[in-house]
Amino acid sequence: MHGFATRRIPTAGELFKAKAVADDQVNAAVDAHRADSGTITHPNADGYGLDLAAAVAEHGWASSVIASLKSSPSLTRGAILLVRAQKA
């Protein structure tokens, strides 16, 4: 599992740094969430996925950033990288 202990679920950013999630997968998650904030799972890596809507809603900063109509893709990406993945 790319060195992640089973004791805690990694963030999307940690999966990205470990190269368990590719840059194009993160970009696809950003695009998917910006197109439809109810998007469920992006990306999938090592049995993990992101429920973007739930993850962003549970993270105060991410939720406020993405809710802004002026939010840029890079801010959305930063918010998504901070959310915890979920075991798929």
Protein backbone atom coordinates (compact mmCIF):
# COMPACT_ATOMS: atom_id res chain seq x y z
CA MET A 1 0.00 0.00 0.00
CA HIS A 2 2.78 2.44 -0.87
CA GLY A 3 4.08 2.59 2.70
CA PHE A 4 0.88 3.81 4.38
CA ALA A 5 0.16 2.06 7.63
CA THR A 6 -3.35 0.77 8.04
CA ARG A 7 -3.71 2.77 11.25
CA ARG A 8 -4.95 5.86 9.41
CA ILE A 9 -6.47 6.76 6.10
CA PRO A 10 -4.16 8.93 3.95
CA THR A 11 -5.13 12.25 2.43
CA ALA A 12 -5.38 12.59 -1.33
CA GLY A 13 -2.20 14.66 -1.14
CA GLU A 14 -0.35 11.88 0.68
CA LEU A 15 -1.46 9.39 -1.95
CA PHE A 16 -0.27 11.82 -4.63
CA LYS A 17 3.14 12.30 -2.98
CA ALA A 18 3.53 8.52 -2.71
CA LYS A 19 2.75 8.29 -6.42
CA ALA A 20 -0.28 6.11 -5.66
CA VAL A 21 -2.38 8.73 -7.43
CA ALA A 22 -1.21 10.34 -10.67
CA ASP A 23 -1.40 14.03 -11.48
CA ASP A 24 -3.99 13.36 -14.19
CA GLN A 25 -6.17 11.55 -11.63
CA VAL A 26 -6.07 14.56 -9.30
CA ASN A 27 -6.86 16.85 -12.23
CA ALA A 28 -9.78 14.60 -13.19
CA ALA A 29 -11.10 14.84 -9.61
CA VAL A 30 -10.84 18.64 -9.73
CA ASP A 31 -12.62 18.78 -13.09
CA ALA A 32 -15.29 16.33 -11.93
CA HIS A 33 -16.01 18.28 -8.74
CA ARG A 34 -16.08 21.63 -10.55
CA ALA A 35 -18.53 20.20 -13.11
CA ASP A 36 -20.75 18.51 -10.52
CA SER A 37 -20.15 19.05 -6.81
CA GLY A 38 -22.08 15.84 -6.08
CA THR A 39 -19.40 13.68 -7.75
CA ILE A 40 -18.68 10.57 -5.74
CA THR A 41 -15.40 8.76 -6.37
CA HIS A 42 -12.18 10.07 -7.92
CA PRO A 43 -9.37 8.91 -7.98
CA ASN A 44 -9.02 5.24 -7.12
CA ALA A 45 -5.66 4.07 -5.85
CA ASP A 46 -4.72 1.06 -3.77
CA GLY A 47 -8.39 0.50 -2.97
CA TYR A 48 -8.95 4.10 -1.91
CA GLY A 49 -11.23 6.65 -3.46
CA LEU A 50 -12.61 10.07 -2.69
CA ASP A 51 -16.22 10.90 -2.04
CA LEU A 52 -15.57 14.46 -3.14
CA ALA A 53 -18.90 15.88 -2.02
CA ALA A 54 -18.74 14.35 1.47
CA ALA A 55 -15.04 14.97 1.94
CA VAL A 56 -15.24 18.62 0.97
CA ALA A 57 -18.39 19.16 3.05
CA GLU A 58 -16.63 17.74 6.12
CA HIS A 59 -13.58 19.97 5.70
CA GLY A 60 -14.43 23.57 6.60
CA TRP A 61 -11.69 25.27 4.62
CA ALA A 62 -12.19 23.10 1.55
CA SER A 63 -15.93 23.61 1.68
CA SER A 64 -15.68 27.40 1.85
CA VAL A 65 -13.05 27.60 -0.89
CA ILE A 66 -14.91 25.40 -3.34
CA ALA A 67 -18.27 27.02 -2.60
CA SER A 68 -16.95 30.33 -3.89
CA LEU A 69 -17.90 31.04 -7.49
CA LYS A 70 -14.50 32.73 -7.83
CA SER A 71 -12.68 29.57 -6.80
CA SER A 72 -9.92 28.69 -9.21
CA PRO A 73 -9.04 25.13 -10.27
CA SER A 74 -5.81 25.41 -8.26
CA LEU A 75 -7.74 26.25 -5.07
CA THR A 76 -10.10 23.36 -5.73
CA ARG A 77 -7.09 21.10 -6.25
CA GLY A 78 -5.55 22.24 -2.97
CA ALA A 79 -8.78 21.57 -1.13
CA ILE A 80 -9.13 18.10 -2.68
CA LEU A 81 -5.55 17.19 -1.78
CA LEU A 82 -6.34 17.89 1.89
CA VAL A 83 -9.29 15.49 2.15
CA ARG A 84 -8.91 11.97 3.50
CA ALA A 85 -9.38 9.12 1.10
CA GLN A 86 -11.97 6.47 1.83
CA LYS A 87 -11.50 2.73 1.62
CA ALA A 88 -13.36 1.67 -1.52
